[in-house]
N, C-alpha and C. Protein backbone atom coordinates (compact mmCIF):
# COMPACT_ATOMS: atom_id res chain seq x y z
N UNK A 1 22.91 17.67 6.78
CA UNK A 1 22.12 16.23 6.88
C UNK A 1 20.69 16.44 7.58
N UNK A 2 19.88 15.60 7.48
CA UNK A 2 18.37 15.55 8.26
C UNK A 2 18.66 15.29 9.67
N UNK A 3 17.40 16.10 10.38
CA UNK A 3 17.57 15.94 11.65
C UNK A 3 16.19 15.19 11.79
N UNK A 4 16.30 13.87 12.61
CA UNK A 4 14.57 13.49 13.06
C UNK A 4 14.62 13.78 14.48
N UNK A 5 13.21 14.48 15.06
CA UNK A 5 13.22 14.58 16.04
C UNK A 5 12.00 13.59 16.82
N UNK A 6 12.39 13.05 17.98
CA UNK A 6 11.13 12.11 18.38
C UNK A 6 12.02 11.26 19.26
N UNK A 7 11.21 9.83 19.56
CA UNK A 7 11.93 9.23 20.63
C UNK A 7 11.51 7.67 19.84
N UNK A 8 12.14 6.63 20.42
CA UNK A 8 12.04 5.38 19.74
C UNK A 8 10.93 4.58 20.07
N UNK A 9 10.06 5.07 21.22
CA UNK A 9 9.02 4.18 21.63
C UNK A 9 7.92 4.70 20.52
N UNK A 10 8.03 5.99 19.89
CA UNK A 10 6.85 6.21 19.14
C UNK A 10 6.68 5.50 17.83
N UNK A 11 5.51 4.71 17.45
CA UNK A 11 5.15 4.07 16.37
C UNK A 11 5.20 5.15 14.89
N UNK A 12 5.19 6.14 15.42
CA UNK A 12 4.92 7.19 14.18
C UNK A 12 6.52 7.52 13.93
N UNK A 13 7.57 7.79 14.91
CA UNK A 13 8.92 8.01 14.81
C UNK A 13 9.36 6.81 14.25
N UNK A 14 8.92 5.49 14.18
CA UNK A 14 9.51 4.43 13.48
C UNK A 14 9.11 4.30 12.64
N UNK A 15 8.08 4.84 12.42
CA UNK A 15 7.93 4.94 10.70
C UNK A 15 8.61 5.35 9.72
N UNK A 16 9.03 6.74 10.00
CA UNK A 16 10.22 7.28 9.54
C UNK A 16 11.44 6.90 9.49
N UNK A 17 11.69 5.87 10.55
CA UNK A 17 13.22 5.49 10.91
C UNK A 17 13.12 4.46 10.11
N UNK A 18 12.35 3.40 9.72
CA UNK A 18 12.23 2.60 8.74
C UNK A 18 11.99 2.79 7.44
N UNK A 19 11.22 4.14 7.06
CA UNK A 19 11.61 4.26 5.64
C UNK A 19 12.81 4.91 5.34
N UNK A 20 13.71 5.63 6.10
CA UNK A 20 15.11 5.88 5.96
C UNK A 20 15.77 4.92 5.36
N UNK A 21 15.46 3.94 6.26
CA UNK A 21 16.26 2.77 6.42
C UNK A 21 16.53 1.82 5.07
N UNK A 22 14.96 1.82 4.57
CA UNK A 22 14.88 1.31 3.10
C UNK A 22 15.32 1.97 2.46
N UNK A 23 15.55 3.40 2.52
CA UNK A 23 15.89 4.17 0.99
C UNK A 23 17.37 4.33 1.18
N UNK A 24 17.94 4.08 2.45
CA UNK A 24 19.57 4.39 2.73
C UNK A 24 19.78 5.87 3.03
N UNK A 25 18.78 6.57 3.56
CA UNK A 25 18.77 7.78 3.83
C UNK A 25 19.74 8.27 5.20
N UNK A 26 20.78 8.84 5.48
CA UNK A 26 21.11 9.03 6.51
C UNK A 26 21.18 10.36 7.25
N UNK A 27 20.60 10.30 8.28
CA UNK A 27 20.27 11.23 9.61
C UNK A 27 20.60 11.21 10.73
N UNK A 28 20.24 12.29 11.39
CA UNK A 28 20.85 12.47 12.88
C UNK A 28 19.59 12.22 13.49
N UNK A 29 19.53 12.05 14.94
CA UNK A 29 18.47 11.86 15.62
C UNK A 29 18.55 13.07 16.96
N UNK A 30 17.48 13.72 17.39
CA UNK A 30 17.33 14.27 18.53
C UNK A 30 16.43 13.89 19.40
N UNK A 31 16.67 12.97 21.00
CA UNK A 31 15.56 12.52 20.94
C UNK A 31 14.83 13.46 21.99
N UNK A 32 13.54 13.45 21.96
CA UNK A 32 12.65 14.44 22.72
C UNK A 32 11.42 13.60 22.86
N UNK A 33 10.65 14.15 23.55
CA UNK A 33 8.81 13.88 23.67
C UNK A 33 8.25 14.63 23.15
N UNK A 34 6.99 14.81 22.75
CA UNK A 34 5.80 16.16 22.29
C UNK A 34 5.64 16.74 23.80
N UNK A 35 6.13 17.79 23.19
CA UNK A 35 5.90 19.03 24.32
C UNK A 35 5.66 20.59 23.57
N UNK A 36 5.30 21.59 24.61
CA UNK A 36 4.90 22.86 24.18
C UNK A 36 6.00 24.02 24.57
N UNK A 37 6.95 23.14 24.39
CA UNK A 37 7.99 24.11 24.88
C UNK A 37 8.04 25.51 23.86
N UNK A 38 8.60 26.65 23.75
CA UNK A 38 8.37 27.87 22.53
C UNK A 38 9.59 27.33 21.45
N UNK A 39 10.41 26.56 22.06
CA UNK A 39 11.41 26.22 21.36
C UNK A 39 10.97 25.30 20.24
N UNK A 40 10.20 24.25 20.65
CA UNK A 40 10.01 23.14 20.07
C UNK A 40 8.92 23.53 18.98
N UNK A 41 8.02 24.25 19.58
CA UNK A 41 6.57 24.53 18.77
C UNK A 41 7.36 25.47 17.46
N UNK A 42 8.42 26.21 17.50
CA UNK A 42 9.03 26.66 16.06
C UNK A 42 9.35 25.98 15.33
N UNK A 43 9.43 24.50 15.62
CA UNK A 43 9.69 23.62 14.67
C UNK A 43 8.62 22.73 14.24
N UNK A 44 7.80 22.44 15.13
CA UNK A 44 6.45 21.41 15.20
C UNK A 44 5.24 22.29 15.71
N UNK A 45 4.77 22.74 14.76
CA UNK A 45 3.58 23.73 14.83
C UNK A 45 2.41 22.99 16.35
N UNK A 46 2.41 22.03 16.55
CA UNK A 46 1.48 21.53 17.64
C UNK A 46 2.39 20.86 18.37
N UNK A 47 3.22 20.57 18.37
CA UNK A 47 4.25 20.06 19.24
C UNK A 47 4.28 18.31 19.39
N UNK A 48 4.31 18.12 18.18
CA UNK A 48 4.03 16.40 17.84
C UNK A 48 5.64 15.76 17.71
N UNK A 49 5.63 14.69 17.71
CA UNK A 49 6.81 14.16 17.00
C UNK A 49 6.07 12.77 16.26
N UNK A 50 6.94 12.46 14.80
CA UNK A 50 8.24 13.14 14.61
C UNK A 50 7.93 14.33 14.27
N UNK A 51 9.51 14.91 13.66
CA UNK A 51 9.51 16.50 13.08
C UNK A 51 10.82 16.11 12.30
N UNK A 52 10.65 16.62 11.14
CA UNK A 52 12.17 16.24 10.27
C UNK A 52 12.60 17.61 9.76
N UNK A 53 14.16 17.91 10.16
CA UNK A 53 14.55 19.05 9.96
C UNK A 53 15.07 19.08 8.87
N UNK A 54 14.75 19.77 7.55
CA UNK A 54 15.63 19.63 6.33
C UNK A 54 16.43 20.93 6.20
N UNK A 55 17.14 21.06 4.91
CA UNK A 55 17.91 22.19 4.80
C UNK A 55 17.13 23.63 4.45
N UNK A 56 15.80 23.14 4.01
CA UNK A 56 14.58 24.04 3.63
C UNK A 56 13.94 24.50 4.80
N UNK A 57 13.65 23.69 6.02
CA UNK A 57 12.87 24.06 7.05
C UNK A 57 12.66 22.57 7.68
N UNK A 58 11.59 22.50 8.55
CA UNK A 58 10.92 21.29 9.13
C UNK A 58 9.59 21.00 8.74
N UNK A 59 9.54 19.84 8.84
CA UNK A 59 8.25 18.92 8.24
C UNK A 59 7.96 18.11 9.08
N UNK A 60 6.56 18.28 9.33
CA UNK A 60 5.58 17.27 10.24
C UNK A 60 4.53 16.61 9.62
N UNK A 61 3.98 15.40 10.23
CA UNK A 61 2.95 14.92 10.09
C UNK A 61 3.80 13.52 9.12
N UNK A 62 3.64 12.35 10.04
CA UNK A 62 4.49 11.38 9.26
C UNK A 62 4.05 10.69 7.75
N UNK A 63 2.81 11.33 7.18
CA UNK A 63 2.57 10.68 5.73
C UNK A 63 3.44 11.67 5.19
N UNK A 64 3.34 13.01 5.54
CA UNK A 64 4.27 14.17 4.48
C UNK A 64 5.49 13.84 4.40
N UNK A 65 6.04 13.47 6.03
CA UNK A 65 7.53 13.11 5.96
C UNK A 65 7.93 11.87 4.53
N UNK A 66 6.92 10.91 5.04
CA UNK A 66 7.09 10.06 4.26
C UNK A 66 7.25 10.25 2.53
N UNK A 67 6.28 11.16 2.15
CA UNK A 67 6.02 11.38 0.76
C UNK A 67 7.13 12.38 0.40
N UNK A 68 7.60 13.10 1.15
CA UNK A 68 8.86 14.17 1.09
C UNK A 68 10.25 13.53 0.86
N UNK A 69 10.41 12.31 1.90
CA UNK A 69 11.61 11.46 1.34
C UNK A 69 11.86 10.62 0.05
N UNK A 70 10.69 10.52 -0.23
CA UNK A 70 10.21 9.68 -1.54
C UNK A 70 10.48 10.51 -2.89
N UNK A 71 10.28 11.83 -2.65
CA UNK A 71 10.61 12.68 -3.64
C UNK A 71 11.75 13.27 -3.73
N UNK A 72 12.25 13.25 -2.53
CA UNK A 72 13.66 13.68 -2.60
C UNK A 72 14.45 13.03 -2.37
N UNK A 73 14.59 11.91 -2.30
CA UNK A 73 15.49 10.46 -2.32
C UNK A 73 15.03 9.57 -3.20
N UNK A 74 14.85 9.49 -4.62
CA UNK A 74 14.04 8.86 -5.40
C UNK A 74 14.44 6.83 -5.22
N UNK A 75 15.81 6.86 -4.63
CA UNK A 75 16.10 5.30 -4.82
C UNK A 75 15.32 4.25 -3.79
N UNK A 76 15.02 3.19 -4.33
CA UNK A 76 13.96 2.36 -3.49
C UNK A 76 12.44 2.67 -3.21
N UNK A 77 11.96 3.18 -4.10
CA UNK A 77 10.33 4.18 -3.56
C UNK A 77 9.55 3.51 -3.07
N UNK A 78 9.02 4.10 -1.99
CA UNK A 78 8.33 3.76 -1.12
C UNK A 78 6.47 4.20 -1.79
N UNK A 79 6.58 4.74 -3.14
CA UNK A 79 5.46 4.78 -3.71
C UNK A 79 5.83 4.76 -5.08
N UNK A 80 6.01 3.43 -5.63
CA UNK A 80 6.24 3.01 -6.82
C UNK A 80 4.95 3.09 -7.35
N UNK A 81 5.10 2.91 -8.62
CA UNK A 81 4.22 3.21 -10.02
C UNK A 81 3.79 4.29 -10.64
N UNK A 82 2.59 3.98 -11.31
CA UNK A 82 2.01 5.17 -11.96
C UNK A 82 1.05 6.08 -11.04
N UNK A 83 0.75 6.94 -11.44
CA UNK A 83 -0.10 7.70 -10.15
C UNK A 83 -1.44 7.49 -9.60
N UNK A 84 -2.05 6.20 -10.52
CA UNK A 84 -3.37 5.52 -9.54
C UNK A 84 -2.60 4.66 -8.81
N UNK A 85 -1.63 3.82 -8.92
CA UNK A 85 -0.85 2.78 -7.95
C UNK A 85 -0.38 4.07 -6.83
N UNK A 86 0.20 5.03 -6.97
CA UNK A 86 0.89 5.95 -5.80
C UNK A 86 -0.48 6.18 -5.03
N UNK A 87 -1.49 6.55 -5.59
CA UNK A 87 -2.79 7.03 -5.06
C UNK A 87 -3.34 5.54 -4.05
N UNK A 88 -3.09 4.75 -4.74
CA UNK A 88 -3.76 3.75 -3.87
C UNK A 88 -2.93 3.46 -2.49
N UNK A 89 -1.49 3.64 -2.33
CA UNK A 89 -0.79 3.40 -1.41
C UNK A 89 -1.07 4.06 -0.38
N UNK A 90 -1.20 5.77 -0.75
CA UNK A 90 -1.68 6.43 -0.26
C UNK A 90 -2.97 6.14 0.54
N UNK A 91 -4.10 5.77 -0.08
CA UNK A 91 -5.06 5.63 0.22
C UNK A 91 -5.15 4.29 1.51
N UNK A 92 -3.99 3.48 1.21
CA UNK A 92 -3.89 2.61 2.12
C UNK A 92 -3.22 3.14 3.75
N UNK A 93 -2.47 3.87 3.32
CA UNK A 93 -1.85 4.39 4.58
C UNK A 93 -2.98 5.23 5.43
N UNK A 94 -3.81 5.98 4.62
CA UNK A 94 -4.85 7.00 5.14
C UNK A 94 -5.53 5.96 6.04
N UNK A 95 -6.22 4.74 5.60
CA UNK A 95 -6.92 4.05 6.04
C UNK A 95 -6.24 3.14 7.33
N UNK A 96 -4.76 2.88 7.21
CA UNK A 96 -4.50 2.17 8.52
C UNK A 96 -4.03 3.12 9.53
N UNK A 97 -4.12 4.61 9.14
CA UNK A 97 -3.81 5.43 10.28
C UNK A 97 -4.95 5.82 11.04
N UNK A 98 -6.22 6.02 10.01
CA UNK A 98 -7.48 6.65 10.47
C UNK A 98 -8.41 5.53 11.00
N UNK A 99 -8.30 4.16 10.72
CA UNK A 99 -9.43 3.02 10.92
C UNK A 99 -8.22 2.16 11.79
N UNK A 100 -7.72 2.19 11.91
CA UNK A 100 -6.52 1.17 12.66
C UNK A 100 -5.77 1.75 13.84
N UNK A 101 -4.87 2.77 13.82
CA UNK A 101 -3.87 3.45 14.41
C UNK A 101 -4.92 4.43 15.74
N UNK A 102 -5.53 5.07 15.29
CA UNK A 102 -6.14 6.03 15.87
C UNK A 102 -7.13 5.64 16.35
N UNK A 103 -8.13 4.57 16.39
CA UNK A 103 -9.02 3.95 16.86
C UNK A 103 -8.35 3.32 18.38
N UNK A 104 -7.48 2.50 18.31
CA UNK A 104 -6.34 2.12 19.03
C UNK A 104 -5.88 2.76 20.08
N UNK A 105 -5.64 3.96 19.44
CA UNK A 105 -4.47 5.12 20.32
C UNK A 105 -5.65 5.66 21.37
N UNK A 106 -7.23 5.46 21.15
CA UNK A 106 -8.09 5.95 22.26
C UNK A 106 -7.89 4.98 23.24
N UNK A 107 -7.51 3.80 23.74
CA UNK A 107 -7.52 2.93 24.34
C UNK A 107 -6.14 2.41 25.36
N UNK A 108 -5.09 3.28 24.37
CA UNK A 108 -3.69 3.10 24.87
C UNK A 108 -3.65 3.24 26.38
N UNK A 109 -4.00 4.42 27.30
CA UNK A 109 -4.23 4.75 28.66
C UNK A 109 -4.68 3.10 29.47
N UNK A 110 -5.47 2.44 28.82
CA UNK A 110 -6.22 1.21 29.68
C UNK A 110 -5.35 0.38 28.96
N UNK A 111 -4.60 -0.22 28.06
CA UNK A 111 -4.07 -1.22 27.65
C UNK A 111 -2.50 -1.07 27.81
N UNK A 112 -2.03 0.20 27.97
CA UNK A 112 -0.38 -0.06 28.21
C UNK A 112 -0.03 0.91 29.29
N UNK A 113 -0.82 1.58 30.22
CA UNK A 113 -0.97 2.29 31.49
C UNK A 113 -1.43 2.23 32.41
N UNK A 114 -2.52 1.19 32.30
CA UNK A 114 -3.30 1.16 33.67
C UNK A 114 -4.38 1.97 33.98
N UNK A 115 -4.68 2.77 33.09
CA UNK A 115 -5.65 3.80 33.38
C UNK A 115 -7.17 3.19 32.96
N UNK A 116 -7.87 4.00 33.36
CA UNK A 116 -9.19 3.90 32.99
C UNK A 116 -9.83 4.59 31.56
N UNK A 117 -10.15 3.74 31.21
CA UNK A 117 -10.94 4.04 29.34
C UNK A 117 -12.50 4.08 29.89
N UNK A 118 -13.70 5.21 29.45
CA UNK A 118 -15.19 4.67 29.52
C UNK A 118 -15.43 4.07 28.48
N UNK A 119 -16.35 3.56 29.07
CA UNK A 119 -17.41 2.32 27.98
C UNK A 119 -17.63 2.85 26.77
N UNK A 120 -17.97 4.21 26.86
CA UNK A 120 -18.42 4.41 25.53
C UNK A 120 -17.51 4.82 24.58
N UNK A 121 -16.01 5.06 25.00
CA UNK A 121 -15.10 5.32 24.06
C UNK A 121 -14.62 3.50 23.90
N UNK A 122 -14.53 2.57 25.13
CA UNK A 122 -14.03 1.43 24.38
C UNK A 122 -15.26 0.97 23.17
N UNK A 123 -16.30 0.84 23.35
CA UNK A 123 -17.53 0.62 22.32
C UNK A 123 -17.41 1.36 20.97
N UNK A 124 -16.85 2.25 21.07
CA UNK A 124 -16.73 3.19 19.93
C UNK A 124 -15.02 2.76 18.74
N UNK A 125 -14.25 2.44 19.64
CA UNK A 125 -12.87 2.00 19.36
C UNK A 125 -13.07 0.65 18.88
N UNK A 126 -13.81 -0.30 19.43
CA UNK A 126 -13.76 -1.79 19.30
C UNK A 126 -14.72 -1.78 17.91
N UNK A 127 -15.76 -1.02 17.35
CA UNK A 127 -16.55 -1.05 16.51
C UNK A 127 -15.79 -0.56 15.38
N UNK A 128 -15.13 0.54 15.43
CA UNK A 128 -13.63 1.13 14.66
C UNK A 128 -12.85 0.30 13.99
N UNK A 129 -12.09 -0.69 14.98
CA UNK A 129 -11.40 -1.74 14.52
C UNK A 129 -11.77 -2.99 13.76
N UNK A 130 -12.82 -3.28 14.00
CA UNK A 130 -13.73 -4.08 13.39
C UNK A 130 -13.71 -3.46 12.10
N UNK A 131 -14.54 -2.01 11.78
CA UNK A 131 -14.87 -1.69 10.41
C UNK A 131 -13.33 -1.67 9.61
N UNK A 132 -12.38 -1.43 10.65
CA UNK A 132 -11.44 -0.82 9.53
C UNK A 132 -10.55 -1.80 9.25
N UNK A 133 -10.05 -2.92 10.25
CA UNK A 133 -9.23 -3.80 9.87
C UNK A 133 -9.95 -4.65 8.24
N UNK A 134 -11.92 -4.73 8.68
CA UNK A 134 -12.30 -5.92 7.45
C UNK A 134 -12.29 -4.48 6.09
N UNK A 135 -11.98 -3.35 6.33
CA UNK A 135 -11.58 -2.50 5.27
C UNK A 135 -10.47 -2.59 4.65
N UNK A 136 -9.44 -2.56 5.46
CA UNK A 136 -7.99 -2.96 4.63
C UNK A 136 -8.07 -4.33 4.03
N UNK A 137 -9.02 -5.34 4.80
CA UNK A 137 -8.94 -6.51 3.52
C UNK A 137 -9.57 -6.63 2.45
N UNK A 138 -10.23 -5.43 2.34
CA UNK A 138 -10.88 -5.45 0.75
C UNK A 138 -9.91 -4.49 0.01
N UNK A 139 -9.48 -3.56 0.47
CA UNK A 139 -8.53 -2.91 -0.26
C UNK A 139 -7.48 -2.97 -0.40
N UNK A 140 -6.55 -3.87 0.53
CA UNK A 140 -5.12 -4.39 0.02
C UNK A 140 -5.14 -6.16 -0.73
N UNK A 141 -3.99 -6.06 -1.02
CA UNK A 141 -3.77 -7.41 -1.81
C UNK A 141 -3.15 -8.40 -0.89
N UNK A 142 -2.16 -7.98 -0.19
CA UNK A 142 -1.22 -9.08 0.50
C UNK A 142 -0.84 -10.00 -0.42
N UNK A 143 0.11 -9.83 -1.09
CA UNK A 143 0.67 -10.59 -2.06
C UNK A 143 2.20 -10.36 -2.58
N UNK A 144 2.98 -10.53 -1.37
CA UNK A 144 2.48 -10.39 -0.14
C UNK A 144 2.47 -9.21 0.69
N UNK A 145 2.45 -8.25 -0.07
CA UNK A 145 2.89 -6.98 0.50
C UNK A 145 1.18 -5.81 0.48
N UNK A 146 0.81 -5.08 0.88
CA UNK A 146 -0.30 -4.63 0.87
C UNK A 146 -0.55 -3.89 -0.85
N UNK A 147 0.23 -3.87 -1.08
CA UNK A 147 -0.13 -3.20 -2.68
C UNK A 147 0.35 -4.29 -3.96
N UNK A 148 0.99 -5.41 -3.46
CA UNK A 148 1.39 -6.51 -4.45
C UNK A 148 2.86 -6.98 -3.81
N UNK A 149 3.75 -6.97 -4.91
CA UNK A 149 4.76 -7.45 -4.76
C UNK A 149 6.14 -6.76 -4.28
N UNK A 150 5.91 -5.58 -4.13
CA UNK A 150 6.79 -4.61 -3.76
C UNK A 150 6.44 -4.00 -2.07
N UNK A 151 7.45 -4.05 -1.05
CA UNK A 151 6.97 -2.98 0.28
C UNK A 151 6.69 -1.82 -0.34
N UNK A 152 6.11 -1.12 0.28
CA UNK A 152 5.35 0.69 0.38
C UNK A 152 5.31 0.92 1.51
N UNK A 153 5.29 2.27 1.48
CA UNK A 153 4.70 3.36 2.73
C UNK A 153 3.64 2.42 3.29
N UNK A 154 2.53 1.91 2.29
CA UNK A 154 1.83 1.28 3.00
C UNK A 154 1.57 0.13 4.28
N UNK A 155 2.94 -0.54 3.90
CA UNK A 155 3.18 -1.44 4.78
C UNK A 155 3.98 -1.07 5.63
N UNK A 156 4.97 -0.06 5.90
CA UNK A 156 5.48 0.44 6.79
C UNK A 156 4.07 1.04 7.85
N UNK A 157 3.45 2.01 7.28
CA UNK A 157 2.54 2.23 8.13
C UNK A 157 1.60 1.22 8.80
N UNK A 158 1.26 0.31 7.91
CA UNK A 158 0.40 -0.77 8.96
C UNK A 158 1.10 -1.75 9.68
N UNK A 159 2.26 -1.89 9.33
CA UNK A 159 3.50 -2.47 10.29
C UNK A 159 3.13 -2.04 11.80
N UNK A 160 3.17 -0.63 12.09
CA UNK A 160 3.57 0.09 13.08
C UNK A 160 1.55 0.82 13.50
N UNK A 161 1.04 -0.01 13.07
CA UNK A 161 -0.27 0.84 13.39
C UNK A 161 -1.08 -0.26 13.71
N UNK A 162 -1.16 -1.95 12.66
CA UNK A 162 -1.60 -2.76 13.02
C UNK A 162 -1.14 -3.31 14.49
N UNK A 163 0.32 -3.41 15.00
CA UNK A 163 0.71 -4.01 15.79
C UNK A 163 0.10 -3.30 17.37
N UNK A 164 -0.14 -1.98 17.48
CA UNK A 164 -0.72 -1.98 18.40
C UNK A 164 -2.20 -2.05 18.77
N UNK A 165 -2.51 -1.75 17.61
CA UNK A 165 -4.19 -2.00 17.15
C UNK A 165 -4.34 -3.86 17.45
N UNK A 166 -3.87 -4.40 17.05
CA UNK A 166 -3.79 -5.92 17.38
C UNK A 166 -3.65 -6.29 18.93
N UNK A 167 -2.77 -5.32 19.67
CA UNK A 167 -2.70 -5.87 21.17
C UNK A 167 -3.76 -5.10 21.76
N UNK A 168 -4.30 -4.11 21.51
CA UNK A 168 -5.69 -3.43 22.00
C UNK A 168 -6.60 -4.31 21.78
N UNK A 169 -6.92 -4.68 20.56
CA UNK A 169 -8.21 -5.72 20.40
C UNK A 169 -8.06 -7.01 21.19
N UNK A 170 -6.47 -8.01 21.36
CA UNK A 170 -6.64 -8.31 21.88
C UNK A 170 -6.86 -8.26 23.87
N UNK A 171 -6.33 -7.51 23.90
CA UNK A 171 -5.97 -7.31 25.69
C UNK A 171 -7.39 -6.58 26.13
N UNK A 172 -8.15 -5.97 25.49
CA UNK A 172 -9.16 -5.11 26.02
C UNK A 172 -10.61 -5.69 25.03
N UNK A 173 -10.48 -6.31 24.13
CA UNK A 173 -11.80 -6.63 23.19
C UNK A 173 -11.71 -8.22 23.13
N UNK A 174 -10.72 -9.05 23.42
CA UNK A 174 -10.37 -10.46 23.52
C UNK A 174 -10.55 -10.89 22.09
N UNK A 175 -10.36 -10.25 20.91
CA UNK A 175 -10.67 -10.84 19.50
C UNK A 175 -9.41 -10.66 18.83
N UNK A 176 -9.12 -11.37 18.00
CA UNK A 176 -7.82 -11.45 16.87
C UNK A 176 -7.97 -10.44 15.88
N UNK A 177 -7.39 -9.51 15.95
CA UNK A 177 -7.62 -8.50 14.67
C UNK A 177 -7.15 -8.71 13.84
N UNK A 178 -5.81 -9.28 13.51
CA UNK A 178 -4.95 -9.49 11.92
C UNK A 178 -5.90 -10.77 11.56
N UNK A 179 -6.40 -11.74 12.26
CA UNK A 179 -7.36 -13.17 11.56
C UNK A 179 -8.19 -12.31 10.48
N UNK A 180 -8.73 -11.36 10.86
CA UNK A 180 -10.09 -10.71 10.05
C UNK A 180 -9.60 -10.19 8.76
N UNK A 181 -8.29 -10.03 8.13
CA UNK A 181 -7.66 -9.64 7.04
C UNK A 181 -6.74 -11.08 6.63
N UNK A 182 -7.43 -11.83 5.93
CA UNK A 182 -6.48 -13.13 5.32
C UNK A 182 -5.00 -12.32 4.91
N UNK A 183 -4.02 -12.91 5.32
CA UNK A 183 -2.79 -12.44 4.60
C UNK A 183 -2.38 -11.35 5.91
N UNK A 184 -2.90 -10.77 6.49
CA UNK A 184 -2.33 -9.80 7.56
C UNK A 184 -1.47 -10.28 8.47
N UNK A 185 -1.17 -11.86 9.08
CA UNK A 185 -0.40 -12.00 9.77
C UNK A 185 0.85 -12.62 8.92
N UNK A 186 0.59 -13.27 7.95
CA UNK A 186 1.97 -13.38 7.03
C UNK A 186 2.52 -12.49 7.06
N UNK A 187 2.05 -11.02 6.88
CA UNK A 187 2.61 -9.95 5.95
C UNK A 187 3.32 -9.56 7.28
N UNK A 188 2.98 -9.16 8.60
CA UNK A 188 3.47 -8.83 9.72
C UNK A 188 4.78 -9.84 9.84
N UNK A 189 4.70 -11.05 10.03
CA UNK A 189 5.98 -11.82 10.36
C UNK A 189 7.20 -11.27 9.34
N UNK A 190 6.38 -11.30 7.88
CA UNK A 190 7.53 -11.26 7.13
C UNK A 190 8.61 -9.73 7.49
N UNK A 191 7.57 -8.66 7.52
CA UNK A 191 7.92 -7.42 8.16
C UNK A 191 9.09 -7.65 9.06
N UNK A 192 8.69 -8.39 10.09
CA UNK A 192 9.37 -8.44 11.25
C UNK A 192 10.61 -9.06 11.29
N UNK A 193 10.78 -10.05 10.20
CA UNK A 193 11.94 -10.64 9.92
C UNK A 193 13.01 -9.55 9.29
N UNK A 194 12.81 -8.83 8.75
CA UNK A 194 13.95 -7.69 8.05
C UNK A 194 14.63 -7.19 9.50
N UNK A 195 16.00 -7.36 8.84
CA UNK A 195 17.06 -6.57 10.19
C UNK A 195 16.54 -5.17 10.23
N UNK A 196 16.13 -4.62 9.42
CA UNK A 196 16.10 -3.06 9.64
C UNK A 196 14.91 -2.99 11.04
N UNK A 197 14.07 -3.61 10.83
CA UNK A 197 12.41 -3.92 11.60
C UNK A 197 13.18 -4.26 13.02
N UNK A 198 13.80 -5.30 13.13
CA UNK A 198 14.39 -5.98 14.16
C UNK A 198 15.57 -4.85 15.23
N UNK A 199 16.16 -4.28 14.55
CA UNK A 199 16.78 -3.01 14.75
C UNK A 199 15.78 -2.10 15.87
N UNK A 200 14.65 -1.65 15.13
CA UNK A 200 13.98 -0.47 15.51
C UNK A 200 13.48 -1.20 16.60
N UNK A 201 12.99 -2.62 16.88
CA UNK A 201 12.31 -3.05 17.95
C UNK A 201 13.15 -3.20 18.77
N UNK A 202 14.63 -3.34 18.73
CA UNK A 202 15.55 -3.61 19.83
C UNK A 202 15.68 -1.91 20.38
N UNK A 203 15.78 -0.96 19.91
CA UNK A 203 15.39 0.39 20.24
C UNK A 203 14.68 0.99 20.86
N UNK A 204 13.62 0.35 20.49
CA UNK A 204 12.41 0.75 21.06
C UNK A 204 12.05 -0.24 22.35
N UNK A 205 12.83 -1.20 22.63
CA UNK A 205 12.64 -1.88 24.11
C UNK A 205 13.71 -1.16 24.97
N UNK A 206 14.89 -0.62 24.50
CA UNK A 206 15.43 0.25 25.42
C UNK A 206 15.09 1.50 25.48
N UNK A 207 14.67 1.92 24.58
CA UNK A 207 13.61 3.19 24.81
C UNK A 207 12.55 3.63 26.31
N UNK A 208 12.32 2.14 26.16
CA UNK A 208 10.79 2.24 26.80
C UNK A 208 10.68 2.28 28.07
N UNK A 209 12.21 1.72 28.35
CA UNK A 209 12.50 1.90 30.17
C UNK A 209 12.45 3.64 30.55
N UNK A 210 13.14 4.25 29.79
CA UNK A 210 13.26 5.91 29.74
C UNK A 210 11.71 6.33 29.98
N UNK A 211 10.86 6.09 29.16
CA UNK A 211 9.88 6.45 28.53
C UNK A 211 8.80 6.27 29.59
N UNK A 212 8.78 4.94 30.37
CA UNK A 212 8.09 4.35 31.27
C UNK A 212 8.04 5.50 32.62
N UNK A 213 9.55 6.11 33.13
CA UNK A 213 9.52 6.90 33.72
C UNK A 213 9.35 8.23 33.69
N UNK A 214 9.17 8.38 32.50
CA UNK A 214 8.80 10.09 31.83
C UNK A 214 7.44 10.14 32.37
N UNK A 215 6.46 9.23 31.96
CA UNK A 215 5.15 9.07 31.61
C UNK A 215 4.78 9.14 33.13
N UNK A 216 5.69 8.32 34.34
CA UNK A 216 5.42 7.92 35.40
C UNK A 216 5.27 9.65 36.37
N UNK A 217 6.82 10.41 35.66
CA UNK A 217 6.54 11.76 36.33
C UNK A 217 5.53 12.56 36.10
N UNK A 218 4.82 12.35 35.19
CA UNK A 218 3.59 13.14 34.68
C UNK A 218 2.63 13.28 35.68
N UNK A 219 2.47 11.99 36.18
CA UNK A 219 1.23 11.61 36.92
C UNK A 219 1.51 12.58 38.59
């Protein structure tokens, strides 16, 4: 059986959980935070989560894991279609990560943990989020999903990237990120109505208590 390493507050961990839920893949979890222990570095070279242990070895990096799951377990494909359609899904996965998730992550300390973030970082993040959501609007179909009528890996990554990015944009920069991509709010609402997404949200809420204690222990 597959083993998934990570913790339920991690949006990247939750991307894999949702991918497995959609595809009906069974797995067990080992709850842990990113760390540099020699034991975990043997599994995850950068000490990051998530990591997925398979019979052949361990895989890291969320997009790589999603693609592996889709090839190893063909039911309910996350990358459906011909070569071009699959590439467009990978394109949107990468865009959501690079231009929404990562710029917003630079400001997570200010928004979620009450820490200081310098003004240059804020300025760069704000500019990147504007450009990122506008780029997604030009690339995605939102009819109703990013790639058309079928939910794909792009929607999974968008869901768990745009939600946090929208919080950063609203709380730190006072603008409505999702309003800049017509159809994005409707997509987020549709995804959040799914039972598997609701279950992941409940897991995250419960795990957040322990995660806050863990963060406090580091200071």
